[in-house]
Amino acid sequence: MKATLPDIPYTSVVFTMPGQLWNIFKRNRHPLHDLPVLGASVIREWVQTRHNANVLIMVVPHTFGGDLKFNTHLHILMSAGGLIESEGRWVPRLPFDKYALMCAWRFAVINHLRRALEAGVLKSDLSIESLRKLLASAYQNRRHPEWIIFIAKIASKSHFLRYAARYVRRPPIATWRIMSVTDGKVNFKAKDKKAKQFVPMRVPLSDFVRLLAPHVQDHYRNAIRYFGLLAPRCKGRSCVALLLDLGQTAMARVRRLPWRDSLIKYFGIDPLLDTRGQVMRWIRTERATQ
């Protein structure tokens, strides 16, 4: 992780949305990429209005569940306290209103989609009028269970970071869940959350690729976004002042492993060993001849 996180209590937040909106974000990548900004803005504006403070925010967008269906939601690591910048004072604990944050999140998502629809940049198989009705239904149904957000205190930030890193640095499905690929069919294990168990699935290879394709990150898109006191443009001044106020020192940045060492450490495979166990060395690049 790029960010250096102070040693303070943190809160885990999950922002979800109704399933009827998933296909809209699946077809429209630009609104999908805007979701981390919307989620962080909801938290920042509410904390600023309610407590006149600023918090540390790290957003990890997810697009898949255990069954590989497109299920877009946000996992957020947020400091349990906040910095009152006008006073230069850190408040260890800030109370959060779950219902108020849910209402703000719902408004932000629906308003963003409505603006995209009115601008004519929202792709969908539905007509414009049908889309308007769908968005109105999703917004007016205030008791919809999928708008509920989850807020939980976490004992260790490392637990969240390990959890988030599994989704950032690996494909949507683990290799061990793919049982076989035969006769153009893929047999894999899908996770049934209601039954709390894995169930076997068998789909054509082309359908399996269609399940995986929407979860591939677009080029130059960051899998982890930083906001608030962790935002790149203010991190240099805010985090240094915060660490001084807390009496802590910044941890040294962990050096990234070279690609070969990384494969050896995490997969036990040396990519530079040939079939005879000898280390391959780059000599030159052969030019293609006409």
C-alpha atoms as a PDB file:
ATOM      1  CA  MET A   1       0.000   0.000   0.000  1.00  0.00           C
ATOM      2  CA  LYS A   2       1.350   3.406  -0.965  1.00  0.00           C
ATOM      3  CA  ALA A   3      -0.190   5.354   1.877  1.00  0.00           C
ATOM      4  CA  THR A   4       1.477   5.554   5.287  1.00  0.00           C
ATOM      5  CA  LEU A   5      -1.336   5.150   7.788  1.00  0.00           C
ATOM      6  CA  PRO A   6      -0.986   6.575  11.296  1.00  0.00           C
ATOM      7  CA  ASP A   7      -1.383   4.167  14.200  1.00  0.00           C
ATOM      8  CA  ILE A   8      -4.935   5.183  15.186  1.00  0.00           C
ATOM      9  CA  PRO A   9      -8.340   3.426  15.376  1.00  0.00           C
ATOM     10  CA  TYR A  10     -10.058   2.859  12.029  1.00  0.00           C
ATOM     11  CA  THR A  11     -13.564   2.097  10.844  1.00  0.00           C
ATOM     12  CA  SER A  12     -14.586  -0.180   7.985  1.00  0.00           C
ATOM     13  CA  VAL A  13     -17.438   1.032   5.774  1.00  0.00           C
ATOM     14  CA  VAL A  14     -19.209  -0.773   2.928  1.00  0.00           C
ATOM     15  CA  PHE A  15     -21.387   1.128   0.451  1.00  0.00           C
ATOM     16  CA  THR A  16     -23.790  -1.051  -1.543  1.00  0.00           C
ATOM     17  CA  MET A  17     -26.620  -0.384  -3.993  1.00  0.00           C
ATOM     18  CA  PRO A  18     -29.705  -2.213  -5.362  1.00  0.00           C
ATOM     19  CA  GLY A  19     -29.025  -4.955  -7.894  1.00  0.00           C
ATOM     20  CA  GLN A  20     -31.176  -3.210 -10.497  1.00  0.00           C
ATOM     21  CA  LEU A  21     -28.405  -0.617 -10.882  1.00  0.00           C
ATOM     22  CA  TRP A  22     -25.578  -3.110 -11.429  1.00  0.00           C
ATOM     23  CA  ASN A  23     -26.175  -3.506 -15.163  1.00  0.00           C
ATOM     24  CA  ILE A  24     -26.091   0.267 -15.644  1.00  0.00           C
ATOM     25  CA  PHE A  25     -22.601   0.491 -14.148  1.00  0.00           C
ATOM     26  CA  LYS A  26     -21.561  -2.654 -16.002  1.00  0.00           C
ATOM     27  CA  ARG A  27     -22.397  -1.013 -19.344  1.00  0.00           C
ATOM     28  CA  ASN A  28     -21.072   2.424 -18.410  1.00  0.00           C
ATOM     29  CA  ARG A  29     -17.466   2.440 -17.239  1.00  0.00           C
ATOM     30  CA  HIS A  30     -17.132   6.185 -16.627  1.00  0.00           C
ATOM     31  CA  PRO A  31     -19.875   6.315 -13.944  1.00  0.00           C
ATOM     32  CA  LEU A  32     -18.347   3.143 -12.494  1.00  0.00           C
ATOM     33  CA  HIS A  33     -14.968   4.855 -12.109  1.00  0.00           C
ATOM     34  CA  ASP A  34     -16.695   7.799 -10.403  1.00  0.00           C
ATOM     35  CA  LEU A  35     -18.097   5.673  -7.552  1.00  0.00           C
ATOM     36  CA  PRO A  36     -15.004   5.961  -5.289  1.00  0.00           C
ATOM     37  CA  VAL A  37     -15.169   9.751  -5.616  1.00  0.00           C
ATOM     38  CA  LEU A  38     -18.894   9.732  -4.787  1.00  0.00           C
ATOM     39  CA  GLY A  39     -18.430   7.490  -1.741  1.00  0.00           C
ATOM     40  CA  ALA A  40     -15.527   9.521  -0.369  1.00  0.00           C
ATOM     41  CA  SER A  41     -17.381  12.809  -1.004  1.00  0.00           C
ATOM     42  CA  VAL A  42     -20.402  11.547   0.929  1.00  0.00           C
ATOM     43  CA  ILE A  43     -18.232  10.795   3.966  1.00  0.00           C
ATOM     44  CA  ARG A  44     -16.139  13.952   3.745  1.00  0.00           C
ATOM     45  CA  GLU A  45     -19.104  16.311   3.367  1.00  0.00           C
ATOM     46  CA  TRP A  46     -21.066  14.675   6.171  1.00  0.00           C
ATOM     47  CA  VAL A  47     -18.084  14.717   8.575  1.00  0.00           C
ATOM     48  CA  GLN A  48     -17.290  18.324   7.643  1.00  0.00           C
ATOM     49  CA  THR A  49     -20.893  19.443   8.134  1.00  0.00           C
ATOM     50  CA  ARG A  50     -21.524  17.489  11.330  1.00  0.00           C
ATOM     51  CA  HIS A  51     -18.134  17.672  13.064  1.00  0.00           C
ATOM     52  CA  ASN A  52     -16.149  20.324  11.152  1.00  0.00           C
ATOM     53  CA  ALA A  53     -13.386  17.756  10.739  1.00  0.00           C
ATOM     54  CA  ASN A  54     -11.445  15.901   8.068  1.00  0.00           C
ATOM     55  CA  VAL A  55     -10.709  12.169   8.055  1.00  0.00           C
ATOM     56  CA  LEU A  56      -8.396   9.681   6.372  1.00  0.00           C
ATOM     57  CA  ILE A  57     -10.182   7.730   3.631  1.00  0.00           C
ATOM     58  CA  MET A  58      -9.029   4.789   1.520  1.00  0.00           C
ATOM     59  CA  VAL A  59     -11.512   3.387  -1.028  1.00  0.00           C
ATOM     60  CA  VAL A  60     -11.278  -0.046  -2.661  1.00  0.00           C
ATOM     61  CA  PRO A  61     -13.987  -0.552  -5.325  1.00  0.00           C
ATOM     62  CA  HIS A  62     -15.202  -4.116  -5.886  1.00  0.00           C
ATOM     63  CA  THR A  63     -17.241  -5.399  -8.820  1.00  0.00           C
ATOM     64  CA  PHE A  64     -17.670  -9.106  -8.097  1.00  0.00           C
ATOM     65  CA  GLY A  65     -18.968 -11.560  -5.563  1.00  0.00           C
ATOM     66  CA  GLY A  66     -18.463 -15.253  -4.995  1.00  0.00           C
ATOM     67  CA  ASP A  67     -20.654 -16.186  -7.976  1.00  0.00           C
ATOM     68  CA  LEU A  68     -18.777 -13.856 -10.409  1.00  0.00           C
ATOM     69  CA  LYS A  69     -21.881 -11.750 -11.015  1.00  0.00           C
ATOM     70  CA  PHE A  70     -21.285  -8.040 -11.504  1.00  0.00           C
ATOM     71  CA  ASN A  71     -21.985  -6.594  -8.067  1.00  0.00           C
ATOM     72  CA  THR A  72     -20.469  -3.157  -7.695  1.00  0.00           C
ATOM     73  CA  HIS A  73     -19.833  -1.845  -4.178  1.00  0.00           C
ATOM     74  CA  LEU A  74     -17.200   0.041  -2.198  1.00  0.00           C
ATOM     75  CA  HIS A  75     -15.014  -1.104   0.688  1.00  0.00           C
ATOM     76  CA  ILE A  76     -13.731   1.900   2.618  1.00  0.00           C
ATOM     77  CA  LEU A  77     -11.146   2.234   5.360  1.00  0.00           C
ATOM     78  CA  MET A  78     -11.797   5.411   7.330  1.00  0.00           C
ATOM     79  CA  SER A  79     -10.209   6.841  10.448  1.00  0.00           C
ATOM     80  CA  ALA A  80     -12.484   6.592  13.467  1.00  0.00           C
ATOM     81  CA  GLY A  81     -11.431  10.103  14.474  1.00  0.00           C
ATOM     82  CA  GLY A  82     -10.889  13.325  12.598  1.00  0.00           C
ATOM     83  CA  LEU A  83      -8.698  16.403  12.402  1.00  0.00           C
ATOM     84  CA  ILE A  84     -10.271  19.781  13.148  1.00  0.00           C
ATOM     85  CA  GLU A  85      -7.941  21.720  10.874  1.00  0.00           C
ATOM     86  CA  SER A  86      -9.032  25.170  12.080  1.00  0.00           C
ATOM     87  CA  GLU A  87      -7.827  24.259  15.587  1.00  0.00           C
ATOM     88  CA  GLY A  88      -5.075  21.812  14.651  1.00  0.00           C
ATOM     89  CA  ARG A  89      -6.630  19.289  17.014  1.00  0.00           C
ATOM     90  CA  TRP A  90      -7.228  15.584  16.512  1.00  0.00           C
ATOM     91  CA  VAL A  91     -10.519  14.149  17.840  1.00  0.00           C
ATOM     92  CA  PRO A  92     -10.012  10.425  18.625  1.00  0.00           C
ATOM     93  CA  ARG A  93     -13.619   9.329  18.049  1.00  0.00           C
ATOM     94  CA  LEU A  94     -16.381  10.735  15.848  1.00  0.00           C
ATOM     95  CA  PRO A  95     -19.933   9.338  15.998  1.00  0.00           C
ATOM     96  CA  PHE A  96     -21.304   8.360  12.577  1.00  0.00           C
ATOM     97  CA  ASP A  97     -24.971   8.367  11.620  1.00  0.00           C
ATOM     98  CA  LYS A  98     -25.510   5.253   9.515  1.00  0.00           C
ATOM     99  CA  TYR A  99     -28.929   6.296   8.199  1.00  0.00           C
ATOM    100  CA  ALA A 100     -27.772   9.803   7.255  1.00  0.00           C
ATOM    101  CA  LEU A 101     -24.783   8.401   5.362  1.00  0.00           C
ATOM    102  CA  MET A 102     -27.041   5.908   3.579  1.00  0.00           C
ATOM    103  CA  CYS A 103     -29.388   8.703   2.453  1.00  0.00           C
ATOM    104  CA  ALA A 104     -26.468  10.802   1.220  1.00  0.00           C
ATOM    105  CA  TRP A 105     -24.960   7.818  -0.640  1.00  0.00           C
ATOM    106  CA  ARG A 106     -28.287   6.990  -2.298  1.00  0.00           C
ATOM    107  CA  PHE A 107     -28.785  10.588  -3.399  1.00  0.00           C
ATOM    108  CA  ALA A 108     -25.225  10.848  -4.749  1.00  0.00           C
ATOM    109  CA  VAL A 109     -25.518   7.679  -6.864  1.00  0.00           C
ATOM    110  CA  ILE A 110     -28.981   8.376  -8.276  1.00  0.00           C
ATOM    111  CA  ASN A 111     -28.225  12.046  -8.941  1.00  0.00           C
ATOM    112  CA  HIS A 112     -25.009  11.102 -10.757  1.00  0.00           C
ATOM    113  CA  LEU A 113     -26.863   8.634 -12.990  1.00  0.00           C
ATOM    114  CA  ARG A 114     -29.661  11.122 -13.681  1.00  0.00           C
ATOM    115  CA  ARG A 115     -27.171  13.754 -14.789  1.00  0.00           C
ATOM    116  CA  ALA A 116     -25.476  11.235 -17.082  1.00  0.00           C
ATOM    117  CA  LEU A 117     -28.867  10.253 -18.499  1.00  0.00           C
ATOM    118  CA  GLU A 118     -29.875  13.856 -19.193  1.00  0.00           C
ATOM    119  CA  ALA A 119     -26.489  14.459 -20.842  1.00  0.00           C
ATOM    120  CA  GLY A 120     -27.165  11.542 -23.192  1.00  0.00           C
ATOM    121  CA  VAL A 121     -24.040   9.567 -22.219  1.00  0.00           C
ATOM    122  CA  LEU A 122     -25.729   6.666 -20.409  1.00  0.00           C
ATOM    123  CA  LYS A 123     -25.809   3.438 -22.426  1.00  0.00           C
ATOM    124  CA  SER A 124     -28.644   1.002 -21.809  1.00  0.00           C
ATOM    125  CA  ASP A 125     -30.995  -1.378 -23.593  1.00  0.00           C
ATOM    126  CA  LEU A 126     -33.872   0.396 -21.834  1.00  0.00           C
ATOM    127  CA  SER A 127     -35.572   3.483 -23.165  1.00  0.00           C
ATOM    128  CA  ILE A 128     -34.901   6.858 -21.578  1.00  0.00           C
ATOM    129  CA  GLU A 129     -38.327   6.859 -19.934  1.00  0.00           C
ATOM    130  CA  SER A 130     -37.782   3.343 -18.549  1.00  0.00           C
ATOM    131  CA  LEU A 131     -34.431   4.421 -17.135  1.00  0.00           C
ATOM    132  CA  ARG A 132     -36.031   7.419 -15.452  1.00  0.00           C
ATOM    133  CA  LYS A 133     -38.624   5.148 -13.826  1.00  0.00           C
ATOM    134  CA  LEU A 134     -35.933   2.686 -12.726  1.00  0.00           C
ATOM    135  CA  LEU A 135     -33.873   5.430 -11.077  1.00  0.00           C
ATOM    136  CA  ALA A 136     -36.978   6.913  -9.437  1.00  0.00           C
ATOM    137  CA  SER A 137     -37.956   3.501  -8.069  1.00  0.00           C
ATOM    138  CA  ALA A 138     -34.454   2.866  -6.713  1.00  0.00           C
ATOM    139  CA  TYR A 139     -34.397   6.271  -5.012  1.00  0.00           C
ATOM    140  CA  GLN A 140     -37.921   6.310  -3.570  1.00  0.00           C
ATOM    141  CA  ASN A 141     -37.706   2.850  -2.035  1.00  0.00           C
ATOM    142  CA  ARG A 142     -36.024   4.064   1.128  1.00  0.00           C
ATOM    143  CA  ARG A 143     -36.377   0.733   2.873  1.00  0.00           C
ATOM    144  CA  HIS A 144     -34.545  -1.143   0.157  1.00  0.00           C
ATOM    145  CA  PRO A 145     -32.141  -3.482   1.996  1.00  0.00           C
ATOM    146  CA  GLU A 146     -29.415  -3.102  -0.613  1.00  0.00           C
ATOM    147  CA  TRP A 147     -29.035   0.627   0.112  1.00  0.00           C
ATOM    148  CA  ILE A 148     -28.059  -0.194   3.691  1.00  0.00           C
ATOM    149  CA  ILE A 149     -24.422   0.512   4.421  1.00  0.00           C
ATOM    150  CA  PHE A 150     -22.278  -1.379   6.897  1.00  0.00           C
ATOM    151  CA  ILE A 151     -20.105   0.369   9.470  1.00  0.00           C
ATOM    152  CA  ALA A 152     -17.870  -1.605  11.795  1.00  0.00           C
ATOM    153  CA  LYS A 153     -14.940  -0.785  14.050  1.00  0.00           C
ATOM    154  CA  ILE A 154     -11.820  -2.767  13.242  1.00  0.00           C
ATOM    155  CA  ALA A 155      -9.157  -3.761  15.714  1.00  0.00           C
ATOM    156  CA  SER A 156      -6.331  -3.699  13.191  1.00  0.00           C
ATOM    157  CA  LYS A 157      -5.807  -1.781   9.973  1.00  0.00           C
ATOM    158  CA  SER A 158      -3.591  -4.624   8.734  1.00  0.00           C
ATOM    159  CA  HIS A 159      -6.634  -6.931   8.707  1.00  0.00           C
ATOM    160  CA  PHE A 160      -8.476  -4.597   6.332  1.00  0.00           C
ATOM    161  CA  LEU A 161      -5.415  -4.078   4.152  1.00  0.00           C
ATOM    162  CA  ARG A 162      -4.840  -7.825   3.818  1.00  0.00           C
ATOM    163  CA  TYR A 163      -8.508  -8.298   2.947  1.00  0.00           C
ATOM    164  CA  ALA A 164      -8.515  -5.476   0.389  1.00  0.00           C
ATOM    165  CA  ALA A 165      -5.223  -6.574  -1.158  1.00  0.00           C
ATOM    166  CA  ARG A 166      -6.681 -10.000  -1.959  1.00  0.00           C
ATOM    167  CA  TYR A 167      -9.219  -8.341  -4.256  1.00  0.00           C
ATOM    168  CA  VAL A 168      -6.814  -5.808  -5.712  1.00  0.00           C
ATOM    169  CA  ARG A 169      -3.994  -8.172  -6.647  1.00  0.00           C
ATOM    170  CA  ARG A 170      -5.826 -11.304  -7.776  1.00  0.00           C
ATOM    171  CA  PRO A 171      -8.405 -12.319 -10.434  1.00  0.00           C
ATOM    172  CA  PRO A 172     -12.119 -12.508  -9.525  1.00  0.00           C
ATOM    173  CA  ILE A 173     -11.854 -16.278  -9.052  1.00  0.00           C
ATOM    174  CA  ALA A 174      -9.101 -18.312  -7.397  1.00  0.00           C
ATOM    175  CA  THR A 175      -7.438 -21.086  -9.386  1.00  0.00           C
ATOM    176  CA  TRP A 176      -8.523 -23.783  -6.940  1.00  0.00           C
ATOM    177  CA  ARG A 177     -12.177 -22.976  -7.671  1.00  0.00           C
ATOM    178  CA  ILE A 178     -11.755 -23.876 -11.359  1.00  0.00           C
ATOM    179  CA  MET A 179     -12.208 -27.652 -11.302  1.00  0.00           C
ATOM    180  CA  SER A 180     -11.786 -28.457 -14.996  1.00  0.00           C
ATOM    181  CA  VAL A 181     -11.986 -27.107 -18.541  1.00  0.00           C
ATOM    182  CA  THR A 182     -13.222 -29.773 -20.967  1.00  0.00           C
ATOM    183  CA  ASP A 183     -15.119 -29.809 -24.268  1.00  0.00           C
ATOM    184  CA  GLY A 184     -15.511 -26.048 -24.290  1.00  0.00           C
ATOM    185  CA  LYS A 185     -17.075 -26.118 -20.818  1.00  0.00           C
ATOM    186  CA  VAL A 186     -15.729 -24.695 -17.555  1.00  0.00           C
ATOM    187  CA  ASN A 187     -16.543 -26.372 -14.262  1.00  0.00           C
ATOM    188  CA  PHE A 188     -15.999 -24.134 -11.266  1.00  0.00           C
ATOM    189  CA  LYS A 189     -17.182 -23.596  -7.721  1.00  0.00           C
ATOM    190  CA  ALA A 190     -19.464 -20.617  -7.093  1.00  0.00           C
ATOM    191  CA  LYS A 191     -20.097 -19.285  -3.621  1.00  0.00           C
ATOM    192  CA  ASP A 192     -23.712 -19.338  -2.484  1.00  0.00           C
ATOM    193  CA  LYS A 193     -23.883 -16.722   0.265  1.00  0.00           C
ATOM    194  CA  LYS A 194     -27.391 -17.661   1.359  1.00  0.00           C
ATOM    195  CA  ALA A 195     -26.552 -21.334   1.777  1.00  0.00           C
ATOM    196  CA  LYS A 196     -23.022 -20.418   2.962  1.00  0.00           C
ATOM    197  CA  GLN A 197     -21.390 -23.052   0.812  1.00  0.00           C
ATOM    198  CA  PHE A 198     -19.779 -23.601  -2.588  1.00  0.00           C
ATOM    199  CA  VAL A 199     -21.934 -25.022  -5.376  1.00  0.00           C
ATOM    200  CA  PRO A 200     -20.649 -26.526  -8.663  1.00  0.00           C
ATOM    201  CA  MET A 201     -21.295 -24.544 -11.859  1.00  0.00           C
ATOM    202  CA  ARG A 202     -20.818 -25.586 -15.479  1.00  0.00           C
ATOM    203  CA  VAL A 203     -20.883 -22.949 -18.219  1.00  0.00           C
ATOM    204  CA  PRO A 204     -19.580 -22.675 -21.801  1.00  0.00           C
ATOM    205  CA  LEU A 205     -16.089 -21.241 -22.106  1.00  0.00           C
ATOM    206  CA  SER A 206     -17.399 -18.148 -23.909  1.00  0.00           C
ATOM    207  CA  ASP A 207     -19.862 -17.456 -21.077  1.00  0.00           C
ATOM    208  CA  PHE A 208     -17.092 -17.894 -18.512  1.00  0.00           C
ATOM    209  CA  VAL A 209     -15.002 -15.270 -20.314  1.00  0.00           C
ATOM    210  CA  ARG A 210     -18.037 -12.945 -20.378  1.00  0.00           C
ATOM    211  CA  LEU A 211     -18.333 -13.341 -16.599  1.00  0.00           C
ATOM    212  CA  LEU A 212     -14.694 -12.393 -16.060  1.00  0.00           C
ATOM    213  CA  ALA A 213     -14.311  -9.593 -18.639  1.00  0.00           C
ATOM    214  CA  PRO A 214     -16.317  -6.826 -16.862  1.00  0.00           C
ATOM    215  CA  HIS A 215     -14.136  -7.192 -13.755  1.00  0.00           C
ATOM    216  CA  VAL A 216     -10.886  -6.389 -15.571  1.00  0.00           C
ATOM    217  CA  GLN A 217      -9.570  -2.973 -14.579  1.00  0.00           C
ATOM    218  CA  ASP A 218      -9.339  -0.418 -17.375  1.00  0.00           C
ATOM    219  CA  HIS A 219      -5.902   0.919 -18.272  1.00  0.00           C
ATOM    220  CA  TYR A 220      -4.511   3.623 -15.975  1.00  0.00           C
ATOM    221  CA  ARG A 221      -7.223   3.071 -13.361  1.00  0.00           C
ATOM    222  CA  ASN A 222      -6.083   2.742  -9.763  1.00  0.00           C
ATOM    223  CA  ALA A 223      -7.508  -0.143  -7.765  1.00  0.00           C
ATOM    224  CA  ILE A 224      -7.113   1.856  -4.529  1.00  0.00           C
ATOM    225  CA  ARG A 225      -8.080   5.515  -4.174  1.00  0.00           C
ATOM    226  CA  TYR A 226      -7.108   7.947  -1.406  1.00  0.00           C
ATOM    227  CA  PHE A 227      -9.155  10.907  -0.172  1.00  0.00           C
ATOM    228  CA  GLY A 228      -9.421  13.326   2.710  1.00  0.00           C
ATOM    229  CA  LEU A 229      -6.200  13.567   4.695  1.00  0.00           C
ATOM    230  CA  LEU A 230      -4.735  10.826   2.464  1.00  0.00           C
ATOM    231  CA  ALA A 231      -5.424  12.644  -0.808  1.00  0.00           C
ATOM    232  CA  PRO A 232      -2.167  12.974  -2.815  1.00  0.00           C
ATOM    233  CA  ARG A 233      -2.422  16.746  -3.126  1.00  0.00           C
ATOM    234  CA  CYS A 234      -2.670  17.346   0.638  1.00  0.00           C
ATOM    235  CA  LYS A 235      -1.054  14.233   2.079  1.00  0.00           C
ATOM    236  CA  GLY A 236       2.392  15.854   2.278  1.00  0.00           C
ATOM    237  CA  ARG A 237       1.284  18.632   4.616  1.00  0.00           C
ATOM    238  CA  SER A 238      -1.646  17.032   6.446  1.00  0.00           C
ATOM    239  CA  CYS A 239      -0.113  13.650   7.327  1.00  0.00           C
ATOM    240  CA  VAL A 240       3.140  15.179   8.583  1.00  0.00           C
ATOM    241  CA  ALA A 241       1.207  17.571  10.846  1.00  0.00           C
ATOM    242  CA  LEU A 242      -1.069  14.753  11.992  1.00  0.00           C
ATOM    243  CA  LEU A 243       1.835  12.469  12.906  1.00  0.00           C
ATOM    244  CA  LEU A 244       3.489  15.270  14.844  1.00  0.00           C
ATOM    245  CA  ASP A 245       0.243  15.950  16.703  1.00  0.00           C
ATOM    246  CA  LEU A 246      -0.086  12.247  17.557  1.00  0.00           C
ATOM    247  CA  GLY A 247       3.579  11.965  18.533  1.00  0.00           C
ATOM    248  CA  GLN A 248       4.263   9.326  15.886  1.00  0.00           C
ATOM    249  CA  THR A 249       6.836   8.973  13.136  1.00  0.00           C
ATOM    250  CA  ALA A 250       6.149   7.944   9.568  1.00  0.00           C
ATOM    251  CA  MET A 251       7.043   4.363   8.696  1.00  0.00           C
ATOM    252  CA  ALA A 252       9.642   3.837   6.033  1.00  0.00           C
ATOM    253  CA  ARG A 253       8.118   2.964   2.683  1.00  0.00           C
ATOM    254  CA  VAL A 254       8.420  -0.738   1.931  1.00  0.00           C
ATOM    255  CA  ARG A 255      10.583  -1.372  -1.105  1.00  0.00           C
ATOM    256  CA  ARG A 256       8.675  -3.098  -3.874  1.00  0.00           C
ATOM    257  CA  LEU A 257      10.011  -6.527  -4.753  1.00  0.00           C
ATOM    258  CA  PRO A 258      11.407  -7.051  -8.265  1.00  0.00           C
ATOM    259  CA  TRP A 259       9.052  -9.060 -10.465  1.00  0.00           C
ATOM    260  CA  ARG A 260      11.183 -12.203 -10.268  1.00  0.00           C
ATOM    261  CA  ASP A 261      11.482 -12.122  -6.468  1.00  0.00           C
ATOM    262  CA  SER A 262       7.757 -11.442  -6.169  1.00  0.00           C
ATOM    263  CA  LEU A 263       6.849 -14.565  -8.189  1.00  0.00           C
ATOM    264  CA  ILE A 264       9.252 -16.671  -6.173  1.00  0.00           C
ATOM    265  CA  LYS A 265       7.897 -15.420  -2.846  1.00  0.00           C
ATOM    266  CA  TYR A 266       4.167 -15.645  -3.550  1.00  0.00           C
ATOM    267  CA  PHE A 267       3.952 -18.502  -6.075  1.00  0.00           C
ATOM    268  CA  GLY A 268       7.136 -20.476  -5.481  1.00  0.00           C
ATOM    269  CA  ILE A 269       8.044 -20.271  -9.180  1.00  0.00           C
ATOM    270  CA  ASP A 270      11.244 -18.856 -10.616  1.00  0.00           C
ATOM    271  CA  PRO A 271      10.306 -17.525 -14.083  1.00  0.00           C
ATOM    272  CA  LEU A 272      13.936 -17.406 -15.198  1.00  0.00           C
ATOM    273  CA  LEU A 273      14.652 -21.104 -14.733  1.00  0.00           C
ATOM    274  CA  ASP A 274      14.568 -23.179 -17.902  1.00  0.00           C
ATOM    275  CA  THR A 275      13.498 -26.837 -18.176  1.00  0.00           C
ATOM    276  CA  ARG A 276      16.962 -27.972 -17.084  1.00  0.00           C
ATOM    277  CA  GLY A 277      16.948 -25.787 -13.980  1.00  0.00           C
ATOM    278  CA  GLN A 278      19.483 -23.323 -15.332  1.00  0.00           C
ATOM    279  CA  VAL A 279      19.062 -19.556 -15.024  1.00  0.00           C
ATOM    280  CA  MET A 280      18.197 -17.891 -18.319  1.00  0.00           C
ATOM    281  CA  ARG A 281      19.917 -14.615 -19.177  1.00  0.00           C
ATOM    282  CA  TRP A 282      18.874 -11.977 -21.664  1.00  0.00           C
ATOM    283  CA  ILE A 283      21.387 -11.631 -24.490  1.00  0.00           C
ATOM    284  CA  ARG A 284      19.774  -9.646 -27.270  1.00  0.00           C
ATOM    285  CA  THR A 285      16.547  -9.102 -29.169  1.00  0.00           C
ATOM    286  CA  GLU A 286      16.367 -10.642 -32.620  1.00  0.00           C
ATOM    287  CA  ARG A 287      14.912  -8.377 -35.266  1.00  0.00           C
ATOM    288  CA  ALA A 288      12.200  -9.809 -37.434  1.00  0.00           C
ATOM    289  CA  THR A 289      13.343 -10.399 -40.992  1.00  0.00           C
ATOM    290  CA  GLN A 290      11.251  -9.867 -44.076  1.00  0.00           C
END
